[in-house]
Amino acid sequence: MLRVIYTEPHVRVAIPLATRGRVLSELDRHGDAEKNLTEAVKMLRVATGRPHPFTATSLLDLGHARNHAGEASRAIDAFRDAERECDELGLQSENYRVPIAIGIAEALEQLGRDDEAEAVLTEARTLPGITDAGVQRLDESLAALKADQPKR
């Protein structure tokens, strides 16, 4: 119905697409999730014509969908795009930066690049204005990464 009302890309169409993508990902329908999230990102970029927090969030969700689908390299691309979107917006919020770092680290771990994953998580601990809760989330991810590594 919204596409009938809004024939051109519009935020009011993109946000429900992104929401559907998140739900589909939670239902382990990652291919469908990726389609919805990719379309939402494209639509948001056209509709807003500039970096936008909804775009950063949708890219973050796209990275998670790709990670869960086992597409780690493509997940990293989405997380890096989300990171660039945040940079352009000046968003330093750990609500974006911590999940991006964790997502990149999880993807790197899937690719067997554990040392790089550890470095990403360690560096994120120094984010400007990071709270104790943010550090705790990063430390939990770091501990999980180290627990999965074989003993050297």
Foldseek 3Di string as FASTA:
>chain_A
DVCVVPVAQALVVLVVLLVVLLVCLVVVNLVSSLVSLVVSLVSCCVHVVAQDPSNLVSLLSNLVSCLSVLNLVVSLVSLVVSVVSCVRVVNLDLVRQLSSLLSNLSSCVSVVNNVVNLVSLVVSCPRPPDDPVSNVSSVVSNVVSVVPDDDD
